[in-house]
Amino acid sequence: MFVLLARYTRPIEEVDALLEEHKAWIGRNADRILLTAREEPLVGGLILARAGSVDEVWEMIREDPFHAAGMSEYEVREYRPVRAAPGLEGLLDPAGG
């Protein structure tokens, strides 16, 4: 499980000009992107994703229009979920941990 923390590097008006392209990128990666959220105040965002490796995550990020256009920088953190609320058990690693 990966947490992708995005920080906008340009004014929000410039970032939002690419919002529809960014949403399309999220849609193309719906098999890996589990959740997206805009930060409050709006200075960045968060993505919860599944991937086989951190390299796979960075491959995906390089295709994000926000990132490709220099509108955002990403920090990637890897986690192993060990507990989930009812209904979210599918997020857990079947091998345990």
N, C-alpha and C. Protein backbone atom coordinates (compact mmCIF):
# COMPACT_ATOMS: atom_id res chain seq x y z
N MET A 1 0.85 -1.16 0.00
CA MET A 1 0.00 0.00 0.00
C MET A 1 0.90 1.23 0.00
N PHE A 2 0.52 2.20 -0.81
CA PHE A 2 1.33 3.41 -0.92
C PHE A 2 0.48 4.64 -0.69
N VAL A 3 1.04 5.60 0.02
CA VAL A 3 0.44 6.91 0.19
C VAL A 3 1.27 7.87 -0.65
N LEU A 4 0.59 8.55 -1.57
CA LEU A 4 1.24 9.53 -2.43
C LEU A 4 0.79 10.90 -1.96
N LEU A 5 1.73 11.70 -1.51
CA LEU A 5 1.43 13.05 -1.04
C LEU A 5 1.88 14.03 -2.12
N ALA A 6 0.92 14.77 -2.68
CA ALA A 6 1.24 15.74 -3.72
C ALA A 6 1.24 17.14 -3.11
N ARG A 7 2.21 17.94 -3.53
CA ARG A 7 2.27 19.35 -3.14
C ARG A 7 2.30 20.16 -4.41
N TYR A 8 1.34 21.08 -4.55
CA TYR A 8 1.30 21.91 -5.75
C TYR A 8 2.46 22.89 -5.75
N THR A 9 3.07 23.06 -6.90
CA THR A 9 4.22 23.94 -7.03
C THR A 9 3.88 25.20 -7.82
N ARG A 10 2.65 25.31 -8.27
CA ARG A 10 2.17 26.46 -9.03
C ARG A 10 0.86 26.94 -8.41
N PRO A 11 0.41 28.14 -8.74
CA PRO A 11 -0.87 28.63 -8.21
C PRO A 11 -2.02 27.69 -8.59
N ILE A 12 -3.01 27.61 -7.71
CA ILE A 12 -4.11 26.67 -7.90
C ILE A 12 -4.84 26.91 -9.21
N GLU A 13 -4.91 28.14 -9.68
CA GLU A 13 -5.58 28.42 -10.95
C GLU A 13 -4.88 27.69 -12.10
N GLU A 14 -3.56 27.62 -12.05
CA GLU A 14 -2.81 26.90 -13.08
C GLU A 14 -2.99 25.39 -12.93
N VAL A 15 -2.96 24.91 -11.70
CA VAL A 15 -3.16 23.49 -11.43
C VAL A 15 -4.54 23.06 -11.92
N ASP A 16 -5.57 23.81 -11.57
CA ASP A 16 -6.93 23.45 -11.93
C ASP A 16 -7.17 23.44 -13.44
N ALA A 17 -6.34 24.15 -14.20
CA ALA A 17 -6.47 24.11 -15.67
C ALA A 17 -6.23 22.69 -16.20
N LEU A 18 -5.53 21.87 -15.43
CA LEU A 18 -5.25 20.48 -15.83
C LEU A 18 -6.10 19.47 -15.06
N LEU A 19 -7.09 19.95 -14.32
CA LEU A 19 -7.86 19.07 -13.44
C LEU A 19 -8.57 17.95 -14.20
N GLU A 20 -9.19 18.25 -15.34
CA GLU A 20 -9.90 17.21 -16.09
C GLU A 20 -8.94 16.15 -16.60
N GLU A 21 -7.76 16.56 -17.05
CA GLU A 21 -6.74 15.60 -17.49
C GLU A 21 -6.26 14.74 -16.32
N HIS A 22 -6.10 15.37 -15.16
CA HIS A 22 -5.69 14.65 -13.95
C HIS A 22 -6.76 13.62 -13.56
N LYS A 23 -8.04 14.01 -13.62
CA LYS A 23 -9.12 13.08 -13.32
C LYS A 23 -9.13 11.91 -14.29
N ALA A 24 -8.85 12.17 -15.56
CA ALA A 24 -8.78 11.10 -16.56
C ALA A 24 -7.64 10.14 -16.23
N TRP A 25 -6.51 10.68 -15.78
CA TRP A 25 -5.36 9.85 -15.36
C TRP A 25 -5.76 8.96 -14.18
N ILE A 26 -6.50 9.53 -13.23
CA ILE A 26 -6.98 8.73 -12.10
C ILE A 26 -7.87 7.59 -12.61
N GLY A 27 -8.75 7.91 -13.53
CA GLY A 27 -9.63 6.90 -14.10
C GLY A 27 -8.87 5.78 -14.81
N ARG A 28 -7.83 6.14 -15.54
CA ARG A 28 -7.01 5.13 -16.23
C ARG A 28 -6.28 4.22 -15.25
N ASN A 29 -6.10 4.69 -14.03
CA ASN A 29 -5.38 3.92 -13.01
C ASN A 29 -6.31 3.45 -11.90
N ALA A 30 -7.59 3.33 -12.19
CA ALA A 30 -8.58 2.96 -11.18
C ALA A 30 -8.32 1.60 -10.55
N ASP A 31 -7.59 0.74 -11.24
CA ASP A 31 -7.26 -0.56 -10.66
C ASP A 31 -6.21 -0.45 -9.57
N ARG A 32 -5.49 0.67 -9.53
CA ARG A 32 -4.44 0.87 -8.53
C ARG A 32 -4.75 1.98 -7.54
N ILE A 33 -5.51 2.98 -7.96
CA ILE A 33 -5.82 4.12 -7.10
C ILE A 33 -7.09 3.81 -6.32
N LEU A 34 -6.95 3.73 -5.00
CA LEU A 34 -8.06 3.37 -4.12
C LEU A 34 -8.82 4.57 -3.59
N LEU A 35 -8.14 5.71 -3.44
CA LEU A 35 -8.75 6.89 -2.85
C LEU A 35 -7.96 8.12 -3.26
N THR A 36 -8.67 9.21 -3.51
CA THR A 36 -8.00 10.49 -3.75
C THR A 36 -8.64 11.52 -2.83
N ALA A 37 -7.87 12.53 -2.45
CA ALA A 37 -8.39 13.59 -1.59
C ALA A 37 -7.63 14.88 -1.86
N ARG A 38 -8.36 15.98 -1.85
CA ARG A 38 -7.73 17.30 -1.98
C ARG A 38 -7.44 17.81 -0.56
N GLU A 39 -6.28 18.36 -0.38
CA GLU A 39 -5.88 18.87 0.93
C GLU A 39 -6.61 20.18 1.23
N GLU A 40 -6.88 20.41 2.50
CA GLU A 40 -7.49 21.66 2.97
C GLU A 40 -6.51 22.35 3.90
N PRO A 41 -6.10 23.57 3.64
CA PRO A 41 -6.40 24.36 2.45
C PRO A 41 -5.79 23.71 1.21
N LEU A 42 -6.24 24.11 0.04
CA LEU A 42 -5.90 23.45 -1.21
C LEU A 42 -4.47 23.79 -1.65
N VAL A 43 -3.52 23.02 -1.10
CA VAL A 43 -2.11 23.18 -1.46
C VAL A 43 -1.52 21.88 -2.01
N GLY A 44 -2.38 20.86 -2.13
CA GLY A 44 -1.91 19.56 -2.61
C GLY A 44 -3.01 18.54 -2.47
N GLY A 45 -2.60 17.28 -2.48
CA GLY A 45 -3.57 16.21 -2.39
C GLY A 45 -2.93 14.92 -1.91
N LEU A 46 -3.78 13.91 -1.78
CA LEU A 46 -3.35 12.61 -1.28
C LEU A 46 -3.96 11.54 -2.17
N ILE A 47 -3.17 10.51 -2.45
CA ILE A 47 -3.66 9.34 -3.18
C ILE A 47 -3.26 8.11 -2.39
N LEU A 48 -4.21 7.21 -2.19
CA LEU A 48 -3.95 5.90 -1.61
C LEU A 48 -3.95 4.92 -2.76
N ALA A 49 -2.85 4.19 -2.93
CA ALA A 49 -2.71 3.33 -4.10
C ALA A 49 -2.12 1.98 -3.75
N ARG A 50 -2.41 1.01 -4.63
CA ARG A 50 -1.79 -0.31 -4.57
C ARG A 50 -0.85 -0.44 -5.74
N ALA A 51 0.26 -1.09 -5.51
CA ALA A 51 1.21 -1.35 -6.59
C ALA A 51 2.15 -2.45 -6.14
N GLY A 52 2.81 -3.07 -7.10
CA GLY A 52 3.74 -4.13 -6.78
C GLY A 52 5.06 -3.62 -6.22
N SER A 53 5.39 -2.36 -6.54
CA SER A 53 6.66 -1.80 -6.07
C SER A 53 6.61 -0.28 -6.13
N VAL A 54 7.54 0.34 -5.45
CA VAL A 54 7.63 1.79 -5.48
C VAL A 54 7.99 2.27 -6.89
N ASP A 55 8.75 1.47 -7.63
CA ASP A 55 9.07 1.83 -9.01
C ASP A 55 7.81 1.91 -9.86
N GLU A 56 6.89 0.98 -9.64
CA GLU A 56 5.61 0.98 -10.36
C GLU A 56 4.81 2.24 -10.03
N VAL A 57 4.86 2.67 -8.78
CA VAL A 57 4.16 3.89 -8.36
C VAL A 57 4.75 5.09 -9.08
N TRP A 58 6.08 5.20 -9.12
CA TRP A 58 6.71 6.33 -9.79
C TRP A 58 6.45 6.32 -11.29
N GLU A 59 6.35 5.15 -11.87
CA GLU A 59 5.99 5.04 -13.28
C GLU A 59 4.61 5.66 -13.51
N MET A 60 3.67 5.35 -12.63
CA MET A 60 2.32 5.90 -12.71
C MET A 60 2.34 7.41 -12.50
N ILE A 61 3.08 7.88 -11.51
CA ILE A 61 3.15 9.32 -11.21
C ILE A 61 3.69 10.10 -12.40
N ARG A 62 4.68 9.57 -13.09
CA ARG A 62 5.27 10.27 -14.23
C ARG A 62 4.24 10.56 -15.32
N GLU A 63 3.14 9.80 -15.34
CA GLU A 63 2.09 10.01 -16.33
C GLU A 63 1.00 10.97 -15.85
N ASP A 64 1.06 11.39 -14.60
CA ASP A 64 0.07 12.33 -14.06
C ASP A 64 0.29 13.70 -14.71
N PRO A 65 -0.74 14.27 -15.36
CA PRO A 65 -0.59 15.58 -15.99
C PRO A 65 -0.10 16.67 -15.03
N PHE A 66 -0.54 16.64 -13.78
CA PHE A 66 -0.05 17.63 -12.81
C PHE A 66 1.47 17.53 -12.68
N HIS A 67 1.96 16.31 -12.52
CA HIS A 67 3.40 16.09 -12.32
C HIS A 67 4.17 16.37 -13.61
N ALA A 68 3.67 15.85 -14.73
CA ALA A 68 4.37 16.00 -16.02
C ALA A 68 4.52 17.47 -16.41
N ALA A 69 3.54 18.31 -16.02
CA ALA A 69 3.58 19.73 -16.35
C ALA A 69 4.31 20.57 -15.30
N GLY A 70 4.85 19.91 -14.28
CA GLY A 70 5.56 20.64 -13.23
C GLY A 70 4.66 21.38 -12.27
N MET A 71 3.40 20.94 -12.17
CA MET A 71 2.44 21.59 -11.27
C MET A 71 2.45 20.99 -9.87
N SER A 72 3.03 19.78 -9.73
CA SER A 72 3.06 19.14 -8.41
C SER A 72 4.32 18.31 -8.24
N GLU A 73 4.67 18.16 -6.98
CA GLU A 73 5.76 17.25 -6.58
C GLU A 73 5.12 16.18 -5.71
N TYR A 74 5.66 14.98 -5.78
CA TYR A 74 5.12 13.87 -4.99
C TYR A 74 6.13 13.35 -3.99
N GLU A 75 5.61 12.94 -2.86
CA GLU A 75 6.35 12.15 -1.88
C GLU A 75 5.60 10.82 -1.80
N VAL A 76 6.33 9.72 -1.84
CA VAL A 76 5.71 8.39 -1.81
C VAL A 76 6.16 7.67 -0.55
N ARG A 77 5.19 7.13 0.17
CA ARG A 77 5.47 6.35 1.38
C ARG A 77 4.79 5.00 1.25
N GLU A 78 5.48 3.95 1.67
CA GLU A 78 4.94 2.60 1.58
C GLU A 78 4.52 2.12 2.97
N TYR A 79 3.36 1.46 3.02
CA TYR A 79 2.83 0.94 4.28
C TYR A 79 2.31 -0.48 4.08
N ARG A 80 2.28 -1.24 5.16
CA ARG A 80 1.67 -2.57 5.16
C ARG A 80 0.47 -2.50 6.10
N PRO A 81 -0.75 -2.46 5.56
CA PRO A 81 -1.93 -2.40 6.41
C PRO A 81 -2.05 -3.64 7.29
N VAL A 82 -2.38 -3.44 8.56
CA VAL A 82 -2.50 -4.57 9.49
C VAL A 82 -3.88 -4.64 10.14
N ARG A 83 -4.67 -3.60 10.03
CA ARG A 83 -6.01 -3.58 10.59
C ARG A 83 -6.88 -2.70 9.71
N ALA A 84 -8.13 -3.10 9.52
CA ALA A 84 -9.05 -2.32 8.70
C ALA A 84 -10.43 -2.32 9.33
N ALA A 85 -11.16 -1.24 9.15
CA ALA A 85 -12.54 -1.15 9.63
C ALA A 85 -13.40 -2.14 8.87
N PRO A 86 -14.52 -2.55 9.46
CA PRO A 86 -15.42 -3.46 8.76
C PRO A 86 -15.78 -2.92 7.37
N GLY A 87 -15.70 -3.80 6.41
CA GLY A 87 -15.97 -3.42 5.03
C GLY A 87 -14.73 -3.06 4.24
N LEU A 88 -13.62 -2.83 4.92
CA LEU A 88 -12.37 -2.46 4.26
C LEU A 88 -11.30 -3.55 4.38
N GLU A 89 -11.71 -4.75 4.76
CA GLU A 89 -10.75 -5.84 4.97
C GLU A 89 -9.95 -6.16 3.70
N GLY A 90 -10.49 -5.84 2.54
CA GLY A 90 -9.80 -6.11 1.28
C GLY A 90 -8.50 -5.32 1.15
N LEU A 91 -8.30 -4.33 1.98
CA LEU A 91 -7.06 -3.55 1.94
C LEU A 91 -5.91 -4.25 2.65
N LEU A 92 -6.23 -5.27 3.45
CA LEU A 92 -5.20 -5.95 4.23
C LEU A 92 -4.37 -6.88 3.37
N ASP A 93 -3.13 -7.05 3.75
CA ASP A 93 -2.22 -7.97 3.10
C ASP A 93 -2.65 -9.39 3.44
N PRO A 94 -2.99 -10.24 2.45
CA PRO A 94 -3.44 -11.60 2.78
C PRO A 94 -2.39 -12.44 3.50
N ALA A 95 -1.13 -12.04 3.40
CA ALA A 95 -0.05 -12.79 4.09
C ALA A 95 0.03 -12.40 5.56
N GLY A 96 -0.73 -11.38 5.96
CA GLY A 96 -0.67 -10.93 7.35
C GLY A 96 0.46 -9.95 7.54
N GLY A 97 0.73 -9.61 8.75
CA GLY A 97 1.83 -8.67 8.93
C GLY A 97 1.76 -8.11 10.26
